[in-house]
PDB file of N, CA and C in Angstrom:
ATOM      1  N   MET A   1     112.717 135.854  76.196  1.00  0.00           N
ATOM      2  CA  MET A   1     114.152 135.918  76.406  1.00  0.00           C
ATOM      3  C   MET A   1     114.605 137.367  76.286  1.00  0.00           C
ATOM      4  N   SER A   2     115.428 137.777  77.200  1.00  0.00           N
ATOM      5  CA  SER A   2     115.941 139.137  77.197  1.00  0.00           C
ATOM      6  C   SER A   2     117.388 139.149  76.695  1.00  0.00           C
ATOM      7  N   PHE A   3     117.700 140.130  75.878  1.00  0.00           N
ATOM      8  CA  PHE A   3     119.039 140.277  75.316  1.00  0.00           C
ATOM      9  C   PHE A   3     119.742 141.444  75.980  1.00  0.00           C
ATOM     10  N   ARG A   4     121.049 141.370  76.036  1.00  0.00           N
ATOM     11  CA  ARG A   4     121.870 142.478  76.523  1.00  0.00           C
ATOM     12  C   ARG A   4     122.350 143.255  75.300  1.00  0.00           C
ATOM     13  N   VAL A   5     122.189 144.568  75.314  1.00  0.00           N
ATOM     14  CA  VAL A   5     122.598 145.416  74.197  1.00  0.00           C
ATOM     15  C   VAL A   5     123.901 146.112  74.578  1.00  0.00           C
ATOM     16  N   GLN A   6     124.924 145.924  73.750  1.00  0.00           N
ATOM     17  CA  GLN A   6     126.194 146.614  73.964  1.00  0.00           C
ATOM     18  C   GLN A   6     126.549 147.393  72.707  1.00  0.00           C
ATOM     19  N   LEU A   7     127.232 148.507  72.890  1.00  0.00           N
ATOM     20  CA  LEU A   7     127.606 149.373  71.775  1.00  0.00           C
ATOM     21  C   LEU A   7     129.113 149.375  71.608  1.00  0.00           C
ATOM     22  N   THR A   8     129.555 149.368  70.357  1.00  0.00           N
ATOM     23  CA  THR A   8     130.981 149.511  70.082  1.00  0.00           C
ATOM     24  C   THR A   8     131.359 150.975  70.280  1.00  0.00           C
ATOM     25  N   ARG A   9     132.651 151.249  70.307  1.00  0.00           N
ATOM     26  CA  ARG A   9     133.111 152.638  70.465  1.00  0.00           C
ATOM     27  C   ARG A   9     132.608 153.524  69.335  1.00  0.00           C
ATOM     28  N   LYS A  10     132.610 152.971  68.118  1.00  0.00           N
ATOM     29  CA  LYS A  10     132.127 153.767  66.970  1.00  0.00           C
ATOM     30  C   LYS A  10     130.641 154.067  67.105  1.00  0.00           C
ATOM     31  N   ALA A  11     129.879 153.110  67.610  1.00  0.00           N
ATOM     32  CA  ALA A  11     128.442 153.333  67.793  1.00  0.00           C
ATOM     33  C   ALA A  11     128.198 154.414  68.843  1.00  0.00           C
ATOM     34  N   VAL A  12     128.965 154.412  69.914  1.00  0.00           N
ATOM     35  CA  VAL A  12     128.838 155.446  70.946  1.00  0.00           C
ATOM     36  C   VAL A  12     129.196 156.812  70.355  1.00  0.00           C
ATOM     37  N   ALA A  13     130.260 156.866  69.567  1.00  0.00           N
ATOM     38  CA  ALA A  13     130.660 158.127  68.930  1.00  0.00           C
ATOM     39  C   ALA A  13     129.582 158.586  67.951  1.00  0.00           C
ATOM     40  N   ASP A  14     129.000 157.643  67.206  1.00  0.00           N
ATOM     41  CA  ASP A  14     127.917 157.994  66.278  1.00  0.00           C
ATOM     42  C   ASP A  14     126.736 158.592  67.035  1.00  0.00           C
ATOM     43  N   LEU A  15     126.363 157.985  68.146  1.00  0.00           N
ATOM     44  CA  LEU A  15     125.242 158.492  68.948  1.00  0.00           C
ATOM     45  C   LEU A  15     125.537 159.885  69.495  1.00  0.00           C
ATOM     46  N   ASP A  16     126.764 160.097  69.928  1.00  0.00           N
ATOM     47  CA  ASP A  16     127.139 161.399  70.481  1.00  0.00           C
ATOM     48  C   ASP A  16     127.029 162.520  69.454  1.00  0.00           C
ATOM     49  N   ARG A  17     127.198 162.198  68.184  1.00  0.00           N
ATOM     50  CA  ARG A  17     127.140 163.207  67.119  1.00  0.00           C
ATOM     51  C   ARG A  17     125.711 163.547  66.683  1.00  0.00           C
ATOM     52  N   LEU A  18     124.741 162.737  67.086  1.00  0.00           N
ATOM     53  CA  LEU A  18     123.364 162.974  66.656  1.00  0.00           C
ATOM     54  C   LEU A  18     122.741 164.153  67.397  1.00  0.00           C
ATOM     55  N   PRO A  19     121.810 164.858  66.727  1.00  0.00           N
ATOM     56  CA  PRO A  19     121.037 165.882  67.430  1.00  0.00           C
ATOM     57  C   PRO A  19     120.253 165.227  68.578  1.00  0.00           C
ATOM     58  N   THR A  20     119.984 165.966  69.625  1.00  0.00           N
ATOM     59  CA  THR A  20     119.364 165.420  70.835  1.00  0.00           C
ATOM     60  C   THR A  20     118.050 164.689  70.561  1.00  0.00           C
ATOM     61  N   VAL A  21     117.179 165.261  69.752  1.00  0.00           N
ATOM     62  CA  VAL A  21     115.884 164.633  69.463  1.00  0.00           C
ATOM     63  C   VAL A  21     116.088 163.287  68.775  1.00  0.00           C
ATOM     64  N   ASP A  22     116.964 163.250  67.777  1.00  0.00           N
ATOM     65  CA  ASP A  22     117.226 162.006  67.061  1.00  0.00           C
ATOM     66  C   ASP A  22     117.905 160.989  67.973  1.00  0.00           C
ATOM     67  N   ARG A  23     118.817 161.449  68.818  1.00  0.00           N
ATOM     68  CA  ARG A  23     119.504 160.555  69.745  1.00  0.00           C
ATOM     69  C   ARG A  23     118.503 159.879  70.680  1.00  0.00           C
ATOM     70  N   ASP A  24     117.529 160.643  71.163  1.00  0.00           N
ATOM     71  CA  ASP A  24     116.514 160.086  72.053  1.00  0.00           C
ATOM     72  C   ASP A  24     115.683 159.028  71.338  1.00  0.00           C
ATOM     73  N   ASP A  25     115.313 159.293  70.083  1.00  0.00           N
ATOM     74  CA  ASP A  25     114.530 158.326  69.311  1.00  0.00           C
ATOM     75  C   ASP A  25     115.319 157.040  69.082  1.00  0.00           C
ATOM     76  N   VAL A  26     116.576 157.174  68.701  1.00  0.00           N
ATOM     77  CA  VAL A  26     117.418 155.999  68.455  1.00  0.00           C
ATOM     78  C   VAL A  26     117.626 155.218  69.751  1.00  0.00           C
ATOM     79  N   THR A  27     117.842 155.921  70.855  1.00  0.00           N
ATOM     80  CA  THR A  27     118.036 155.261  72.144  1.00  0.00           C
ATOM     81  C   THR A  27     116.794 154.467  72.543  1.00  0.00           C
ATOM     82  N   ASP A  28     115.613 155.026  72.295  1.00  0.00           N
ATOM     83  CA  ASP A  28     114.373 154.291  72.564  1.00  0.00           C
ATOM     84  C   ASP A  28     114.306 153.015  71.732  1.00  0.00           C
ATOM     85  N   ASP A  29     114.686 153.118  70.460  1.00  0.00           N
ATOM     86  CA  ASP A  29     114.672 151.946  69.583  1.00  0.00           C
ATOM     87  C   ASP A  29     115.710 150.916  70.015  1.00  0.00           C
ATOM     88  N   LEU A  30     116.846 151.364  70.546  1.00  0.00           N
ATOM     89  CA  LEU A  30     117.845 150.426  71.049  1.00  0.00           C
ATOM     90  C   LEU A  30     117.286 149.633  72.229  1.00  0.00           C
ATOM     91  N   GLY A  31     116.439 150.260  73.010  1.00  0.00           N
ATOM     92  CA  GLY A  31     115.796 149.561  74.119  1.00  0.00           C
ATOM     93  C   GLY A  31     114.899 148.427  73.645  1.00  0.00           C
ATOM     94  N   THR A  32     114.271 148.610  72.485  1.00  0.00           N
ATOM     95  CA  THR A  32     113.417 147.545  71.965  1.00  0.00           C
ATOM     96  C   THR A  32     114.241 146.349  71.478  1.00  0.00           C
ATOM     97  N   LEU A  33     115.505 146.594  71.110  1.00  0.00           N
ATOM     98  CA  LEU A  33     116.360 145.489  70.680  1.00  0.00           C
ATOM     99  C   LEU A  33     116.619 144.504  71.821  1.00  0.00           C
ATOM    100  N   ALA A  34     116.592 144.977  73.048  1.00  0.00           N
ATOM    101  CA  ALA A  34     116.831 144.100  74.193  1.00  0.00           C
ATOM    102  C   ALA A  34     115.709 143.078  74.341  1.00  0.00           C
ATOM    103  N   GLU A  35     114.512 143.446  73.900  1.00  0.00           N
ATOM    104  CA  GLU A  35     113.371 142.546  74.019  1.00  0.00           C
ATOM    105  C   GLU A  35     113.160 141.707  72.766  1.00  0.00           C
ATOM    106  N   ARG A  36     113.378 142.329  71.607  1.00  0.00           N
ATOM    107  CA  ARG A  36     113.086 141.631  70.350  1.00  0.00           C
ATOM    108  C   ARG A  36     114.033 142.119  69.251  1.00  0.00           C
ATOM    109  N   PRO A  37     115.226 141.527  69.151  1.00  0.00           N
ATOM    110  CA  PRO A  37     116.201 142.022  68.169  1.00  0.00           C
ATOM    111  C   PRO A  37     115.889 141.643  66.723  1.00  0.00           C
ATOM    112  N   ILE A  38     115.064 140.623  66.537  1.00  0.00           N
ATOM    113  CA  ILE A  38     114.694 140.228  65.181  1.00  0.00           C
ATOM    114  C   ILE A  38     113.202 140.456  65.033  1.00  0.00           C
ATOM    115  N   GLY A  39     112.847 141.525  64.346  1.00  0.00           N
ATOM    116  CA  GLY A  39     111.449 141.877  64.176  1.00  0.00           C
ATOM    117  C   GLY A  39     111.020 141.722  62.730  1.00  0.00           C
ATOM    118  N   ALA A  40     109.848 142.198  62.458  1.00  0.00           N
ATOM    119  CA  ALA A  40     109.289 142.098  61.115  1.00  0.00           C
ATOM    120  C   ALA A  40     109.779 143.258  60.256  1.00  0.00           C
ATOM    121  N   PRO A  41     110.013 143.003  58.967  1.00  0.00           N
ATOM    122  CA  PRO A  41     110.361 144.100  58.071  1.00  0.00           C
ATOM    123  C   PRO A  41     109.219 145.110  58.060  1.00  0.00           C
ATOM    124  N   PRO A  42     109.418 146.341  57.757  1.00  0.00           N
ATOM    125  CA  PRO A  42     110.625 146.951  57.210  1.00  0.00           C
ATOM    126  C   PRO A  42     111.555 147.551  58.254  1.00  0.00           C
ATOM    127  N   ARG A  43     111.165 147.596  59.532  1.00  0.00           N
ATOM    128  CA  ARG A  43     112.035 148.238  60.542  1.00  0.00           C
ATOM    129  C   ARG A  43     113.317 147.466  60.764  1.00  0.00           C
ATOM    130  N   VAL A  44     113.235 146.138  60.809  1.00  0.00           N
ATOM    131  CA  VAL A  44     114.424 145.305  61.006  1.00  0.00           C
ATOM    132  C   VAL A  44     114.595 144.446  59.770  1.00  0.00           C
ATOM    133  N   LYS A  45     115.824 144.395  59.292  1.00  0.00           N
ATOM    134  CA  LYS A  45     116.105 143.633  58.081  1.00  0.00           C
ATOM    135  C   LYS A  45     117.462 142.958  58.226  1.00  0.00           C
ATOM    136  N   ARG A  46     117.539 141.692  57.827  1.00  0.00           N
ATOM    137  CA  ARG A  46     118.830 141.005  57.809  1.00  0.00           C
ATOM    138  C   ARG A  46     119.521 141.365  56.501  1.00  0.00           C
ATOM    139  N   LEU A  47     120.768 141.803  56.603  1.00  0.00           N
ATOM    140  CA  LEU A  47     121.518 142.204  55.421  1.00  0.00           C
ATOM    141  C   LEU A  47     122.234 140.997  54.831  1.00  0.00           C
ATOM    142  N   LYS A  48     122.246 140.930  53.536  1.00  0.00           N
ATOM    143  CA  LYS A  48     122.850 139.798  52.834  1.00  0.00           C
ATOM    144  C   LYS A  48     124.297 140.090  52.468  1.00  0.00           C
ATOM    145  N   GLY A  49     125.036 139.034  52.144  1.00  0.00           N
ATOM    146  CA  GLY A  49     126.394 139.195  51.655  1.00  0.00           C
ATOM    147  C   GLY A  49     127.434 139.290  52.746  1.00  0.00           C
ATOM    148  N   ARG A  50     127.110 138.824  53.920  1.00  0.00           N
ATOM    149  CA  ARG A  50     128.044 138.877  55.035  1.00  0.00           C
ATOM    150  C   ARG A  50     128.230 137.460  55.572  1.00  0.00           C
ATOM    151  N   GLY A  51     129.423 137.139  56.051  1.00  0.00           N
ATOM    152  CA  GLY A  51     129.658 135.843  56.662  1.00  0.00           C
ATOM    153  C   GLY A  51     128.866 135.703  57.948  1.00  0.00           C
ATOM    154  N   HIS A  52     129.011 136.688  58.828  1.00  0.00           N
ATOM    155  CA  HIS A  52     128.274 136.721  60.083  1.00  0.00           C
ATOM    156  C   HIS A  52     127.008 137.541  59.842  1.00  0.00           C
ATOM    157  N   PRO A  53     125.832 137.054  60.274  1.00  0.00           N
ATOM    158  CA  PRO A  53     124.600 137.813  60.032  1.00  0.00           C
ATOM    159  C   PRO A  53     124.673 139.229  60.618  1.00  0.00           C
ATOM    160  N   LEU A  54     124.299 140.193  59.810  1.00  0.00           N
ATOM    161  CA  LEU A  54     124.270 141.593  60.207  1.00  0.00           C
ATOM    162  C   LEU A  54     122.855 142.101  59.973  1.00  0.00           C
ATOM    163  N   TYR A  55     122.347 142.864  60.914  1.00  0.00           N
ATOM    164  CA  TYR A  55     120.979 143.370  60.829  1.00  0.00           C
ATOM    165  C   TYR A  55     120.991 144.885  60.787  1.00  0.00           C
ATOM    166  N   ARG A  56     119.887 145.427  60.227  1.00  0.00           N
ATOM    167  CA  ARG A  56     119.716 146.869  60.122  1.00  0.00           C
ATOM    168  C   ARG A  56     118.373 147.228  60.738  1.00  0.00           C
ATOM    169  N   LEU A  57     118.379 148.154  61.696  1.00  0.00           N
ATOM    170  CA  LEU A  57     117.158 148.673  62.301  1.00  0.00           C
ATOM    171  C   LEU A  57     116.941 150.077  61.776  1.00  0.00           C
ATOM    172  N   ARG A  58     115.757 150.330  61.264  1.00  0.00           N
ATOM    173  CA  ARG A  58     115.418 151.662  60.757  1.00  0.00           C
ATOM    174  C   ARG A  58     114.830 152.486  61.888  1.00  0.00           C
ATOM    175  N   SER A  59     115.437 153.633  62.142  1.00  0.00           N
ATOM    176  CA  SER A  59     114.977 154.539  63.203  1.00  0.00           C
ATOM    177  C   SER A  59     114.962 155.947  62.631  1.00  0.00           C
ATOM    178  N   GLY A  60     113.850 156.341  62.053  1.00  0.00           N
ATOM    179  CA  GLY A  60     113.750 157.655  61.410  1.00  0.00           C
ATOM    180  C   GLY A  60     114.694 157.724  60.221  1.00  0.00           C
ATOM    181  N   ASP A  61     115.542 158.758  60.187  1.00  0.00           N
ATOM    182  CA  ASP A  61     116.513 158.909  59.107  1.00  0.00           C
ATOM    183  C   ASP A  61     117.818 158.170  59.404  1.00  0.00           C
ATOM    184  N   TYR A  62     117.859 157.425  60.481  1.00  0.00           N
ATOM    185  CA  TYR A  62     119.093 156.745  60.889  1.00  0.00           C
ATOM    186  C   TYR A  62     118.931 155.235  60.820  1.00  0.00           C
ATOM    187  N   ARG A  63     120.056 154.576  60.636  1.00  0.00           N
ATOM    188  CA  ARG A  63     120.087 153.116  60.570  1.00  0.00           C
ATOM    189  C   ARG A  63     121.046 152.608  61.635  1.00  0.00           C
ATOM    190  N   VAL A  64     120.604 151.613  62.372  1.00  0.00           N
ATOM    191  CA  VAL A  64     121.408 150.986  63.412  1.00  0.00           C
ATOM    192  C   VAL A  64     121.864 149.640  62.867  1.00  0.00           C
ATOM    193  N   LEU A  65     123.168 149.457  62.726  1.00  0.00           N
ATOM    194  CA  LEU A  65     123.724 148.192  62.251  1.00  0.00           C
ATOM    195  C   LEU A  65     124.162 147.384  63.459  1.00  0.00           C
ATOM    196  N   TYR A  66     123.683 146.136  63.537  1.00  0.00           N
ATOM    197  CA  TYR A  66     124.002 145.312  64.697  1.00  0.00           C
ATOM    198  C   TYR A  66     124.083 143.842  64.324  1.00  0.00           C
ATOM    199  N   ARG A  67     124.666 143.068  65.241  1.00  0.00           N
ATOM    200  CA  ARG A  67     124.718 141.618  65.072  1.00  0.00           C
ATOM    201  C   ARG A  67     124.274 140.986  66.382  1.00  0.00           C
ATOM    202  N   ILE A  68     123.897 139.722  66.305  1.00  0.00           N
ATOM    203  CA  ILE A  68     123.401 139.006  67.478  1.00  0.00           C
ATOM    204  C   ILE A  68     124.300 137.809  67.732  1.00  0.00           C
ATOM    205  N   ASP A  69     124.825 137.722  68.942  1.00  0.00           N
ATOM    206  CA  ASP A  69     125.630 136.583  69.381  1.00  0.00           C
ATOM    207  C   ASP A  69     124.985 136.032  70.638  1.00  0.00           C
ATOM    208  N   GLU A  70     124.310 134.900  70.498  1.00  0.00           N
ATOM    209  CA  GLU A  70     123.591 134.266  71.606  1.00  0.00           C
ATOM    210  C   GLU A  70     122.656 135.276  72.260  1.00  0.00           C
ATOM    211  N   ALA A  71     122.925 135.738  73.485  1.00  0.00           N
ATOM    212  CA  ALA A  71     122.025 136.654  74.186  1.00  0.00           C
ATOM    213  C   ALA A  71     122.560 138.083  74.199  1.00  0.00           C
ATOM    214  N   VAL A  72     123.467 138.416  73.281  1.00  0.00           N
ATOM    215  CA  VAL A  72     124.071 139.748  73.232  1.00  0.00           C
ATOM    216  C   VAL A  72     123.825 140.369  71.858  1.00  0.00           C
ATOM    217  N   VAL A  73     123.286 141.575  71.871  1.00  0.00           N
ATOM    218  CA  VAL A  73     123.117 142.357  70.644  1.00  0.00           C
ATOM    219  C   VAL A  73     124.227 143.399  70.637  1.00  0.00           C
ATOM    220  N   THR A  74     125.113 143.324  69.634  1.00  0.00           N
ATOM    221  CA  THR A  74     126.224 144.268  69.527  1.00  0.00           C
ATOM    222  C   THR A  74     125.899 145.299  68.454  1.00  0.00           C
ATOM    223  N   VAL A  75     125.735 146.545  68.879  1.00  0.00           N
ATOM    224  CA  VAL A  75     125.457 147.645  67.950  1.00  0.00           C
ATOM    225  C   VAL A  75     126.790 148.123  67.418  1.00  0.00           C
ATOM    226  N   MET A  76     126.954 148.000  66.103  1.00  0.00           N
ATOM    227  CA  MET A  76     128.226 148.344  65.484  1.00  0.00           C
ATOM    228  C   MET A  76     128.287 149.803  65.053  1.00  0.00           C
ATOM    229  N   ARG A  77     127.208 150.305  64.457  1.00  0.00           N
ATOM    230  CA  ARG A  77     127.195 151.695  63.973  1.00  0.00           C
ATOM    231  C   ARG A  77     125.782 152.247  64.061  1.00  0.00           C
ATOM    232  N   VAL A  78     125.675 153.567  64.183  1.00  0.00           N
ATOM    233  CA  VAL A  78     124.426 154.311  64.087  1.00  0.00           C
ATOM    234  C   VAL A  78     124.700 155.404  63.070  1.00  0.00           C
ATOM    235  N   ILE A  79     124.104 155.273  61.880  1.00  0.00           N
ATOM    236  CA  ILE A  79     124.471 156.154  60.774  1.00  0.00           C
ATOM    237  C   ILE A  79     123.238 156.735  60.090  1.00  0.00           C
ATOM    238  N   ASN A  80     123.452 157.806  59.369  1.00  0.00           N
ATOM    239  CA  ASN A  80     122.403 158.384  58.548  1.00  0.00           C
ATOM    240  C   ASN A  80     122.120 157.445  57.389  1.00  0.00           C
ATOM    241  N   ARG A  81     120.888 157.390  56.971  1.00  0.00           N
ATOM    242  CA  ARG A  81     120.494 156.447  55.910  1.00  0.00           C
ATOM    243  C   ARG A  81     121.261 156.678  54.612  1.00  0.00           C
ATOM    244  N   ARG A  82     121.671 157.926  54.360  1.00  0.00           N
ATOM    245  CA  ARG A  82     122.415 158.228  53.130  1.00  0.00           C
ATOM    246  C   ARG A  82     123.795 157.583  53.120  1.00  0.00           C
ATOM    247  N   ASP A  83     124.351 157.319  54.293  1.00  0.00           N
ATOM    248  CA  ASP A  83     125.698 156.761  54.398  1.00  0.00           C
ATOM    249  C   ASP A  83     125.717 155.235  54.505  1.00  0.00           C
ATOM    250  N   LEU A  84     124.554 154.597  54.429  1.00  0.00           N
ATOM    251  CA  LEU A  84     124.464 153.160  54.672  1.00  0.00           C
ATOM    252  C   LEU A  84     125.341 152.338  53.732  1.00  0.00           C
ATOM    253  N   GLU A  85     125.244 152.556  52.450  1.00  0.00           N
ATOM    254  CA  GLU A  85     126.018 151.750  51.487  1.00  0.00           C
ATOM    255  C   GLU A  85     127.524 151.931  51.678  1.00  0.00           C
ATOM    256  N   ARG A  86     127.953 153.145  51.905  1.00  0.00           N
ATOM    257  CA  ARG A  86     129.380 153.410  52.098  1.00  0.00           C
ATOM    258  C   ARG A  86     129.889 152.702  53.350  1.00  0.00           C
ATOM    259  N   ILE A  87     129.158 152.757  54.426  1.00  0.00           N
ATOM    260  CA  ILE A  87     129.573 152.119  55.674  1.00  0.00           C
ATOM    261  C   ILE A  87     129.567 150.602  55.528  1.00  0.00           C
ATOM    262  N   LEU A  88     128.588 150.053  54.824  1.00  0.00           N
ATOM    263  CA  LEU A  88     128.548 148.606  54.606  1.00  0.00           C
ATOM    264  C   LEU A  88     129.762 148.141  53.815  1.00  0.00           C
ATOM    265  N   ARG A  89     130.164 148.923  52.828  1.00  0.00           N
ATOM    266  CA  ARG A  89     131.383 148.554  52.074  1.00  0.00           C
ATOM    267  C   ARG A  89     132.600 148.548  52.985  1.00  0.00           C
ATOM    268  N   GLN A  90     132.697 149.494  53.894  1.00  0.00           N
ATOM    269  CA  GLN A  90     133.819 149.545  54.831  1.00  0.00           C
ATOM    270  C   GLN A  90     133.789 148.347  55.780  1.00  0.00           C
ATOM    271  N   LEU A  91     132.620 147.957  56.232  1.00  0.00           N
ATOM    272  CA  LEU A  91     132.506 146.814  57.143  1.00  0.00           C
ATOM    273  C   LEU A  91     132.860 145.502  56.447  1.00  0.00           C
ATOM    274  N   ARG A  92     132.568 145.417  55.168  1.00  0.00           N
ATOM    275  CA  ARG A  92     132.887 144.192  54.410  1.00  0.00           C
ATOM    276  C   ARG A  92     134.377 144.082  54.139  1.00  0.00           C
ATOM    277  N   GLY A  93     135.037 145.229  53.999  1.00  0.00           N
ATOM    278  CA  GLY A  93     136.433 145.261  53.615  1.00  0.00           C
ATOM    279  C   GLY A  93     137.367 145.054  54.715  1.00  0.00           C
TER     280      GLY A  93
END
């Protein structure tokens, strides 16, 4: 089954701010989400404490936060690993 990957405005802005090398790596990893959005840990992890399931993809020093709705993977944010907890608190609030 193939999934369609869509990015929110914040995710697009996050990608635009990344250095070119990192952006290319993250973009490659986003391509893998279209084929297999739920993979084996540690690269993909389901985050707990959310009403709607939220997943985290590890891509180098960056984390891709996304959710899955039927055949659509919605990328919500692309953030540095250091900012993960702060961004998760904002998403919960």
